[in-house]
Amino acid sequence: MSLATGLPLIGVNHLESHIYSAWLAPEDGEGVPPAPEFPLLALLVSGGHTELNLVTGHLQYERLGATLDDAAGEAFDKVARLIGLPYPGGPSIQEVAQDGDPAAFKFPRSWLNGTWNFSFSGLKTAVLRTVQVLKEQNNDLPVADLAASFQNAEREIPGTFKKRARKFE
């Protein structure tokens, strides 16, 4: 497209854009949050990426860990499909989970102990196995409880890493 239009081609690291979104302010300037201070931990959770970065200054960051398989967004999409919710999975699960019990099912946590990495395959498999068992028993799927329990397992990641990150303070 750059060649066809004569416009310059500018490379952009879209993951850096995720980090810098923390500095965005509303167009009207109302309710502008204070600028983030360094050092900081940036947990990037998007459709195709999940990673944790230590940011020590502008454009100065170190990737501490990342998902070893599917990203969090992909896990949400797959679990939503398993329990009969529409795409995209994140908003669908969040909406339904409001009426569910986050302690109804004990699903494994996604972070890998002793590392900064996470894996969502075990969590997705646990939801799949639970759904299979419920269907084999001819039970209706408790969609709200499944969604709330899955979401609860995913949401523990930031808190866990926050506690471990105290060593950087």
N, C-alpha and C. Protein backbone atom coordinates (compact mmCIF):
# COMPACT_ATOMS: atom_id res chain seq x y z
N MET A 1 0.83 -1.16 0.00
CA MET A 1 0.00 0.00 0.00
C MET A 1 0.89 1.25 0.00
N SER A 2 2.02 1.19 0.72
CA SER A 2 2.92 2.32 0.77
C SER A 2 3.45 2.65 -0.62
N LEU A 3 3.83 1.60 -1.37
CA LEU A 3 4.33 1.83 -2.72
C LEU A 3 3.26 2.41 -3.64
N ALA A 4 2.05 1.91 -3.50
CA ALA A 4 0.96 2.35 -4.37
C ALA A 4 0.55 3.79 -4.09
N THR A 5 0.62 4.21 -2.85
CA THR A 5 0.15 5.56 -2.50
C THR A 5 1.27 6.57 -2.40
N GLY A 6 2.53 6.10 -2.31
CA GLY A 6 3.64 7.01 -2.15
C GLY A 6 3.81 7.51 -0.71
N LEU A 7 2.99 6.98 0.18
CA LEU A 7 3.09 7.37 1.58
C LEU A 7 4.16 6.52 2.27
N PRO A 8 4.79 7.06 3.31
CA PRO A 8 5.84 6.28 3.99
C PRO A 8 5.26 5.09 4.75
N LEU A 9 6.07 4.07 4.87
CA LEU A 9 5.73 2.90 5.65
C LEU A 9 6.39 3.06 7.02
N ILE A 10 5.59 3.06 8.07
CA ILE A 10 6.11 3.27 9.42
C ILE A 10 5.85 2.01 10.23
N GLY A 11 6.92 1.42 10.73
CA GLY A 11 6.79 0.22 11.55
C GLY A 11 6.34 0.58 12.96
N VAL A 12 5.38 -0.16 13.47
CA VAL A 12 4.87 0.07 14.82
C VAL A 12 4.82 -1.26 15.55
N ASN A 13 5.39 -1.30 16.73
CA ASN A 13 5.30 -2.49 17.57
C ASN A 13 3.98 -2.41 18.31
N HIS A 14 3.02 -3.22 17.92
CA HIS A 14 1.69 -3.06 18.50
C HIS A 14 1.65 -3.47 19.97
N LEU A 15 2.59 -4.29 20.43
CA LEU A 15 2.63 -4.63 21.85
C LEU A 15 3.08 -3.43 22.68
N GLU A 16 4.01 -2.64 22.14
CA GLU A 16 4.36 -1.39 22.81
C GLU A 16 3.15 -0.46 22.87
N SER A 17 2.34 -0.52 21.85
CA SER A 17 1.12 0.30 21.85
C SER A 17 0.20 -0.09 23.00
N HIS A 18 0.13 -1.38 23.30
CA HIS A 18 -0.68 -1.82 24.44
C HIS A 18 -0.13 -1.20 25.73
N ILE A 19 1.19 -1.22 25.89
CA ILE A 19 1.79 -0.63 27.09
C ILE A 19 1.46 0.86 27.16
N TYR A 20 1.63 1.55 26.06
CA TYR A 20 1.42 3.00 26.05
C TYR A 20 -0.05 3.40 26.13
N SER A 21 -0.95 2.47 25.99
CA SER A 21 -2.36 2.82 26.14
C SER A 21 -2.66 3.29 27.57
N ALA A 22 -1.79 2.94 28.52
CA ALA A 22 -1.97 3.39 29.90
C ALA A 22 -1.81 4.91 30.02
N TRP A 23 -1.19 5.54 29.04
CA TRP A 23 -0.99 6.99 29.06
C TRP A 23 -2.09 7.74 28.30
N LEU A 24 -2.99 7.03 27.66
CA LEU A 24 -4.04 7.70 26.89
C LEU A 24 -4.98 8.47 27.81
N ALA A 25 -5.40 9.59 27.33
CA ALA A 25 -6.34 10.42 28.08
C ALA A 25 -7.56 10.68 27.21
N PRO A 26 -8.69 10.94 27.82
CA PRO A 26 -9.89 11.26 27.03
C PRO A 26 -9.65 12.52 26.19
N GLU A 27 -10.28 12.57 25.03
CA GLU A 27 -10.11 13.72 24.14
C GLU A 27 -10.48 15.03 24.81
N ASP A 28 -11.48 15.01 25.67
CA ASP A 28 -11.91 16.25 26.31
C ASP A 28 -11.02 16.64 27.49
N GLY A 29 -10.06 15.77 27.85
CA GLY A 29 -9.15 16.08 28.93
C GLY A 29 -9.75 15.92 30.32
N GLU A 30 -11.01 15.53 30.38
CA GLU A 30 -11.68 15.36 31.68
C GLU A 30 -11.28 14.03 32.29
N GLY A 31 -11.04 14.04 33.58
CA GLY A 31 -10.76 12.80 34.29
C GLY A 31 -9.48 12.12 33.87
N VAL A 32 -8.46 12.93 33.54
CA VAL A 32 -7.18 12.36 33.11
C VAL A 32 -6.50 11.72 34.32
N PRO A 33 -6.19 10.43 34.21
CA PRO A 33 -5.51 9.77 35.34
C PRO A 33 -4.06 10.23 35.41
N PRO A 34 -3.42 10.10 36.57
CA PRO A 34 -2.01 10.46 36.66
C PRO A 34 -1.18 9.54 35.76
N ALA A 35 -0.10 10.08 35.22
CA ALA A 35 0.77 9.28 34.35
C ALA A 35 1.39 8.15 35.16
N PRO A 36 1.49 6.97 34.60
CA PRO A 36 2.15 5.86 35.30
C PRO A 36 3.60 6.21 35.62
N GLU A 37 4.08 5.73 36.75
CA GLU A 37 5.46 5.99 37.17
C GLU A 37 6.29 4.72 37.02
N PHE A 38 7.54 4.90 36.68
CA PHE A 38 8.46 3.78 36.51
C PHE A 38 9.16 3.47 37.83
N PRO A 39 9.56 2.24 38.07
CA PRO A 39 9.29 1.07 37.23
C PRO A 39 7.85 0.61 37.42
N LEU A 40 7.36 -0.11 36.43
CA LEU A 40 6.00 -0.65 36.51
C LEU A 40 5.94 -2.00 35.83
N LEU A 41 4.96 -2.78 36.23
CA LEU A 41 4.70 -4.05 35.56
C LEU A 41 3.57 -3.83 34.58
N ALA A 42 3.75 -4.27 33.37
CA ALA A 42 2.70 -4.16 32.36
C ALA A 42 2.24 -5.57 32.00
N LEU A 43 1.01 -5.89 32.34
CA LEU A 43 0.41 -7.17 31.97
C LEU A 43 -0.39 -6.93 30.70
N LEU A 44 0.09 -7.47 29.59
CA LEU A 44 -0.59 -7.33 28.30
C LEU A 44 -1.51 -8.52 28.11
N VAL A 45 -2.78 -8.25 28.01
CA VAL A 45 -3.76 -9.31 27.80
C VAL A 45 -4.61 -8.88 26.62
N SER A 46 -4.38 -9.52 25.49
CA SER A 46 -5.16 -9.21 24.30
C SER A 46 -5.55 -10.53 23.65
N GLY A 47 -6.23 -10.43 22.53
CA GLY A 47 -6.71 -11.63 21.87
C GLY A 47 -5.62 -12.65 21.59
N GLY A 48 -4.47 -12.21 21.11
CA GLY A 48 -3.44 -13.15 20.71
C GLY A 48 -2.18 -13.11 21.54
N HIS A 49 -2.12 -12.23 22.54
CA HIS A 49 -0.90 -12.10 23.34
C HIS A 49 -1.25 -12.01 24.82
N THR A 50 -0.44 -12.66 25.63
CA THR A 50 -0.50 -12.49 27.07
C THR A 50 0.94 -12.53 27.54
N GLU A 51 1.40 -11.41 28.07
CA GLU A 51 2.77 -11.36 28.56
C GLU A 51 2.90 -10.34 29.67
N LEU A 52 3.96 -10.51 30.46
CA LEU A 52 4.24 -9.64 31.58
C LEU A 52 5.59 -8.98 31.33
N ASN A 53 5.60 -7.64 31.39
CA ASN A 53 6.82 -6.88 31.13
C ASN A 53 7.16 -6.00 32.31
N LEU A 54 8.45 -5.92 32.63
CA LEU A 54 8.96 -4.94 33.58
C LEU A 54 9.38 -3.73 32.77
N VAL A 55 8.72 -2.59 32.99
CA VAL A 55 9.00 -1.37 32.24
C VAL A 55 9.76 -0.43 33.18
N THR A 56 11.01 -0.12 32.81
CA THR A 56 11.85 0.72 33.66
C THR A 56 11.93 2.16 33.18
N GLY A 57 11.47 2.42 31.98
CA GLY A 57 11.47 3.75 31.40
C GLY A 57 10.80 3.70 30.05
N HIS A 58 10.64 4.85 29.41
CA HIS A 58 10.02 4.87 28.09
C HIS A 58 10.84 4.03 27.11
N LEU A 59 10.16 3.09 26.47
CA LEU A 59 10.74 2.17 25.50
C LEU A 59 11.84 1.29 26.10
N GLN A 60 11.85 1.17 27.43
CA GLN A 60 12.81 0.32 28.11
C GLN A 60 12.03 -0.71 28.91
N TYR A 61 11.99 -1.92 28.40
CA TYR A 61 11.23 -2.96 29.08
C TYR A 61 11.86 -4.32 28.85
N GLU A 62 11.57 -5.19 29.78
CA GLU A 62 12.07 -6.56 29.72
C GLU A 62 10.88 -7.50 29.86
N ARG A 63 10.78 -8.43 28.96
CA ARG A 63 9.70 -9.43 29.06
C ARG A 63 10.08 -10.43 30.13
N LEU A 64 9.26 -10.48 31.18
CA LEU A 64 9.51 -11.40 32.28
C LEU A 64 8.91 -12.77 32.02
N GLY A 65 7.76 -12.78 31.37
CA GLY A 65 7.08 -14.03 31.11
C GLY A 65 5.98 -13.85 30.10
N ALA A 66 5.47 -14.97 29.63
CA ALA A 66 4.41 -14.95 28.63
C ALA A 66 3.68 -16.28 28.66
N THR A 67 2.61 -16.34 27.92
CA THR A 67 1.88 -17.60 27.83
C THR A 67 2.70 -18.58 27.00
N LEU A 68 2.62 -19.83 27.37
CA LEU A 68 3.34 -20.87 26.66
C LEU A 68 2.46 -21.56 25.62
N ASP A 69 1.21 -21.17 25.56
CA ASP A 69 0.28 -21.76 24.59
C ASP A 69 -0.70 -20.68 24.17
N ASP A 70 -1.98 -20.92 24.29
CA ASP A 70 -2.97 -19.92 23.90
C ASP A 70 -2.89 -18.69 24.79
N ALA A 71 -3.19 -17.55 24.22
CA ALA A 71 -3.29 -16.32 24.99
C ALA A 71 -4.61 -16.32 25.77
N ALA A 72 -4.71 -15.42 26.72
CA ALA A 72 -5.92 -15.34 27.56
C ALA A 72 -7.17 -15.12 26.71
N GLY A 73 -7.08 -14.23 25.73
CA GLY A 73 -8.24 -13.96 24.88
C GLY A 73 -8.70 -15.18 24.11
N GLU A 74 -7.74 -15.96 23.62
CA GLU A 74 -8.08 -17.19 22.92
C GLU A 74 -8.74 -18.19 23.86
N ALA A 75 -8.25 -18.25 25.11
CA ALA A 75 -8.86 -19.15 26.09
C ALA A 75 -10.30 -18.74 26.36
N PHE A 76 -10.56 -17.45 26.49
CA PHE A 76 -11.93 -16.97 26.68
C PHE A 76 -12.81 -17.38 25.51
N ASP A 77 -12.30 -17.19 24.29
CA ASP A 77 -13.10 -17.55 23.11
C ASP A 77 -13.42 -19.03 23.07
N LYS A 78 -12.45 -19.88 23.38
CA LYS A 78 -12.67 -21.33 23.32
C LYS A 78 -13.61 -21.81 24.42
N VAL A 79 -13.45 -21.26 25.62
CA VAL A 79 -14.34 -21.66 26.71
C VAL A 79 -15.75 -21.17 26.44
N ALA A 80 -15.88 -19.97 25.91
CA ALA A 80 -17.23 -19.46 25.56
C ALA A 80 -17.91 -20.42 24.59
N ARG A 81 -17.18 -20.87 23.58
CA ARG A 81 -17.75 -21.80 22.61
C ARG A 81 -18.15 -23.11 23.29
N LEU A 82 -17.32 -23.59 24.23
CA LEU A 82 -17.62 -24.84 24.94
C LEU A 82 -18.93 -24.77 25.72
N ILE A 83 -19.22 -23.59 26.28
CA ILE A 83 -20.41 -23.47 27.12
C ILE A 83 -21.57 -22.78 26.40
N GLY A 84 -21.42 -22.64 25.07
CA GLY A 84 -22.53 -22.17 24.25
C GLY A 84 -22.72 -20.67 24.21
N LEU A 85 -21.65 -19.91 24.45
CA LEU A 85 -21.75 -18.46 24.40
C LEU A 85 -21.18 -17.93 23.09
N PRO A 86 -21.62 -16.76 22.66
CA PRO A 86 -21.15 -16.21 21.38
C PRO A 86 -19.74 -15.62 21.45
N TYR A 87 -19.18 -15.46 20.27
CA TYR A 87 -17.88 -14.80 20.08
C TYR A 87 -18.11 -13.30 20.04
N PRO A 88 -17.22 -12.50 20.58
CA PRO A 88 -16.00 -12.85 21.29
C PRO A 88 -16.29 -13.33 22.71
N GLY A 89 -15.45 -14.23 23.19
CA GLY A 89 -15.71 -14.88 24.46
C GLY A 89 -15.57 -14.01 25.68
N GLY A 90 -14.64 -13.07 25.67
CA GLY A 90 -14.41 -12.23 26.84
C GLY A 90 -15.65 -11.51 27.32
N PRO A 91 -16.26 -10.68 26.47
CA PRO A 91 -17.46 -9.97 26.91
C PRO A 91 -18.63 -10.91 27.22
N SER A 92 -18.76 -11.99 26.47
CA SER A 92 -19.85 -12.94 26.70
C SER A 92 -19.71 -13.59 28.07
N ILE A 93 -18.51 -14.04 28.38
CA ILE A 93 -18.28 -14.69 29.68
C ILE A 93 -18.46 -13.68 30.81
N GLN A 94 -17.93 -12.49 30.63
CA GLN A 94 -18.04 -11.46 31.68
C GLN A 94 -19.50 -11.16 32.00
N GLU A 95 -20.31 -11.03 30.97
CA GLU A 95 -21.73 -10.70 31.19
C GLU A 95 -22.46 -11.83 31.93
N VAL A 96 -22.29 -13.06 31.47
CA VAL A 96 -22.98 -14.20 32.07
C VAL A 96 -22.46 -14.50 33.47
N ALA A 97 -21.15 -14.29 33.68
CA ALA A 97 -20.52 -14.60 34.96
C ALA A 97 -21.08 -13.77 36.11
N GLN A 98 -21.66 -12.63 35.80
CA GLN A 98 -22.22 -11.77 36.85
C GLN A 98 -23.29 -12.49 37.67
N ASP A 99 -23.97 -13.44 37.04
CA ASP A 99 -25.03 -14.19 37.73
C ASP A 99 -24.55 -15.54 38.25
N GLY A 100 -23.24 -15.80 38.16
CA GLY A 100 -22.73 -17.11 38.56
C GLY A 100 -21.94 -17.07 39.86
N ASP A 101 -21.60 -18.25 40.32
CA ASP A 101 -20.82 -18.43 41.53
C ASP A 101 -19.38 -18.74 41.14
N PRO A 102 -18.44 -17.83 41.43
CA PRO A 102 -17.05 -18.06 41.03
C PRO A 102 -16.38 -19.22 41.76
N ALA A 103 -17.01 -19.71 42.83
CA ALA A 103 -16.45 -20.84 43.58
C ALA A 103 -17.18 -22.15 43.26
N ALA A 104 -18.08 -22.13 42.28
CA ALA A 104 -18.85 -23.33 41.96
C ALA A 104 -17.96 -24.47 41.45
N PHE A 105 -16.93 -24.13 40.70
CA PHE A 105 -16.00 -25.13 40.16
C PHE A 105 -14.59 -24.70 40.50
N LYS A 106 -13.78 -25.65 40.90
CA LYS A 106 -12.38 -25.37 41.24
C LYS A 106 -11.53 -25.69 40.02
N PHE A 107 -11.23 -24.65 39.24
CA PHE A 107 -10.40 -24.82 38.05
C PHE A 107 -8.95 -24.46 38.37
N PRO A 108 -8.01 -25.09 37.66
CA PRO A 108 -6.59 -24.79 37.92
C PRO A 108 -6.25 -23.36 37.53
N ARG A 109 -5.21 -22.84 38.13
CA ARG A 109 -4.74 -21.50 37.83
C ARG A 109 -3.75 -21.55 36.68
N SER A 110 -3.66 -20.45 35.96
CA SER A 110 -2.92 -20.44 34.71
C SER A 110 -1.44 -20.11 34.85
N TRP A 111 -1.04 -19.57 35.98
CA TRP A 111 0.37 -19.21 36.10
C TRP A 111 1.19 -20.43 36.48
N LEU A 112 2.41 -20.47 36.01
CA LEU A 112 3.29 -21.61 36.26
C LEU A 112 4.18 -21.28 37.44
N ASN A 113 3.99 -21.99 38.52
CA ASN A 113 4.68 -21.73 39.78
C ASN A 113 6.19 -21.67 39.57
N GLY A 114 6.82 -20.68 40.18
CA GLY A 114 8.27 -20.54 40.08
C GLY A 114 8.74 -19.82 38.84
N THR A 115 7.83 -19.38 37.99
CA THR A 115 8.19 -18.64 36.78
C THR A 115 7.27 -17.44 36.65
N TRP A 116 7.51 -16.64 35.64
CA TRP A 116 6.62 -15.52 35.30
C TRP A 116 5.71 -15.92 34.13
N ASN A 117 5.76 -17.18 33.73
CA ASN A 117 4.98 -17.64 32.58
C ASN A 117 3.61 -18.16 33.00
N PHE A 118 2.73 -18.26 32.02
CA PHE A 118 1.41 -18.82 32.27
C PHE A 118 1.04 -19.76 31.14
N SER A 119 0.11 -20.65 31.44
CA SER A 119 -0.39 -21.60 30.46
C SER A 119 -1.89 -21.74 30.66
N PHE A 120 -2.63 -21.56 29.60
CA PHE A 120 -4.09 -21.63 29.70
C PHE A 120 -4.64 -22.97 29.22
N SER A 121 -3.77 -23.86 28.73
CA SER A 121 -4.27 -25.13 28.20
C SER A 121 -4.88 -26.00 29.29
N GLY A 122 -4.27 -26.04 30.47
CA GLY A 122 -4.83 -26.85 31.55
C GLY A 122 -6.17 -26.33 32.03
N LEU A 123 -6.31 -25.02 32.07
CA LEU A 123 -7.57 -24.40 32.47
C LEU A 123 -8.66 -24.71 31.45
N LYS A 124 -8.35 -24.56 30.18
CA LYS A 124 -9.33 -24.87 29.12
C LYS A 124 -9.73 -26.34 29.17
N THR A 125 -8.74 -27.22 29.37
CA THR A 125 -9.02 -28.66 29.43
C THR A 125 -9.90 -28.98 30.64
N ALA A 126 -9.66 -28.32 31.76
CA ALA A 126 -10.48 -28.56 32.95
C ALA A 126 -11.94 -28.17 32.69
N VAL A 127 -12.14 -27.05 32.00
CA VAL A 127 -13.51 -26.65 31.67
C VAL A 127 -14.12 -27.67 30.71
N LEU A 128 -13.36 -28.09 29.71
CA LEU A 128 -13.85 -29.09 28.75
C LEU A 128 -14.27 -30.38 29.47
N ARG A 129 -13.42 -30.88 30.35
CA ARG A 129 -13.73 -32.12 31.07
C ARG A 129 -14.97 -31.95 31.95
N THR A 130 -15.10 -30.81 32.59
CA THR A 130 -16.27 -30.54 33.43
C THR A 130 -17.54 -30.53 32.58
N VAL A 131 -17.47 -29.88 31.43
CA VAL A 131 -18.63 -29.84 30.52
C VAL A 131 -18.97 -31.24 30.05
N GLN A 132 -17.97 -32.04 29.70
CA GLN A 132 -18.21 -33.42 29.25
C GLN A 132 -18.90 -34.24 30.32
N VAL A 133 -18.42 -34.14 31.56
CA VAL A 133 -19.01 -34.89 32.68
C VAL A 133 -20.46 -34.47 32.89
N LEU A 134 -20.71 -33.17 32.89
CA LEU A 134 -22.07 -32.67 33.09
C LEU A 134 -23.01 -33.18 31.99
N LYS A 135 -22.52 -33.19 30.75
CA LYS A 135 -23.35 -33.67 29.63
C LYS A 135 -23.58 -35.18 29.72
N GLU A 136 -22.55 -35.93 30.13
CA GLU A 136 -22.71 -37.38 30.29
C GLU A 136 -23.74 -37.71 31.36
N GLN A 137 -23.84 -36.87 32.36
CA GLN A 137 -24.80 -37.06 33.44
C GLN A 137 -26.18 -36.47 33.09
N ASN A 138 -26.31 -36.02 31.84
CA ASN A 138 -27.54 -35.40 31.35
C ASN A 138 -27.97 -34.19 32.18
N ASN A 139 -27.00 -33.49 32.69
CA ASN A 139 -27.28 -32.27 33.45
C ASN A 139 -27.27 -31.06 32.51
N ASP A 140 -28.11 -30.10 32.80
CA ASP A 140 -28.03 -28.84 32.08
C ASP A 140 -26.74 -28.15 32.49
N LEU A 141 -26.13 -27.47 31.55
CA LEU A 141 -24.89 -26.78 31.87
C LEU A 141 -25.21 -25.55 32.72
N PRO A 142 -24.57 -25.43 33.88
CA PRO A 142 -24.72 -24.22 34.68
C PRO A 142 -23.79 -23.14 34.11
N VAL A 143 -24.22 -22.56 33.00
CA VAL A 143 -23.37 -21.67 32.22
C VAL A 143 -22.83 -20.52 33.06
N ALA A 144 -23.67 -19.89 33.86
CA ALA A 144 -23.22 -18.75 34.65
C ALA A 144 -22.14 -19.17 35.66
N ASP A 145 -22.31 -20.33 36.29
CA ASP A 145 -21.32 -20.81 37.25
C ASP A 145 -20.02 -21.20 36.55
N LEU A 146 -20.12 -21.85 35.40
CA LEU A 146 -18.92 -22.20 34.64
C LEU A 146 -18.16 -20.95 34.22
N ALA A 147 -18.89 -19.96 33.72
CA ALA A 147 -18.27 -18.70 33.29
C ALA A 147 -17.61 -17.99 34.46
N ALA A 148 -18.31 -17.91 35.59
CA ALA A 148 -17.77 -17.20 36.76
C ALA A 148 -16.54 -17.92 37.31
N SER A 149 -16.56 -19.24 37.35
CA SER A 149 -15.43 -20.01 37.87
C SER A 149 -14.22 -19.90 36.95
N PHE A 150 -14.46 -19.96 35.64
CA PHE A 150 -13.37 -19.79 34.67
C PHE A 150 -12.77 -18.40 34.79
N GLN A 151 -13.62 -17.40 34.81
CA GLN A 151 -13.15 -16.01 34.90
C GLN A 151 -12.38 -15.79 36.20
N ASN A 152 -12.83 -16.38 37.28
CA ASN A 152 -12.15 -16.26 38.57
C ASN A 152 -10.74 -16.85 38.49
N ALA A 153 -10.60 -17.99 37.84
CA ALA A 153 -9.29 -18.61 37.69
C ALA A 153 -8.35 -17.73 36.87
N GLU A 154 -8.86 -17.12 35.82
CA GLU A 154 -8.04 -16.24 34.98
C GLU A 154 -7.65 -14.97 35.71
N ARG A 155 -8.54 -14.44 36.50
CA ARG A 155 -8.30 -13.14 37.15
C ARG A 155 -7.29 -13.20 38.27
N GLU A 156 -6.95 -14.36 38.73
CA GLU A 156 -5.96 -14.46 39.81
C GLU A 156 -4.55 -14.14 39.32
N ILE A 157 -4.32 -14.17 38.04
CA ILE A 157 -2.97 -13.93 37.51
C ILE A 157 -2.40 -12.59 37.95
N PRO A 158 -3.10 -11.47 37.72
CA PRO A 158 -2.49 -10.18 38.10
C PRO A 158 -2.17 -10.08 39.58
N GLY A 159 -3.05 -10.56 40.43
CA GLY A 159 -2.80 -10.49 41.87
C GLY A 159 -1.60 -11.31 42.28
N THR A 160 -1.47 -12.49 41.69
CA THR A 160 -0.34 -13.36 42.00
C THR A 160 0.97 -12.70 41.59
N PHE A 161 1.00 -12.14 40.38
CA PHE A 161 2.23 -11.51 39.91
C PHE A 161 2.53 -10.23 40.67
N LYS A 162 1.49 -9.52 41.09
CA LYS A 162 1.70 -8.30 41.86
C LYS A 162 2.44 -8.62 43.16
N LYS A 163 2.02 -9.70 43.82
CA LYS A 163 2.67 -10.09 45.07
C LYS A 163 4.14 -10.47 44.82
N ARG A 164 4.37 -11.22 43.74
CA ARG A 164 5.73 -11.64 43.44
C ARG A 164 6.61 -10.49 42.97
N ALA A 165 6.00 -9.46 42.40
CA ALA A 165 6.76 -8.34 41.83
C ALA A 165 7.27 -7.37 42.89
N ARG A 166 6.87 -7.53 44.10
CA ARG A 166 7.31 -6.63 45.18
C ARG A 166 8.85 -6.59 45.24
N LYS A 167 9.51 -7.63 44.74
CA LYS A 167 10.98 -7.65 44.79
C LYS A 167 11.59 -6.58 43.91
N PHE A 168 10.81 -6.02 42.96
CA PHE A 168 11.32 -4.97 42.08
C PHE A 168 11.18 -3.58 42.68
N GLU A 169 10.47 -3.47 43.79
CA GLU A 169 10.25 -2.15 44.40
C GLU A 169 11.49 -1.67 45.12
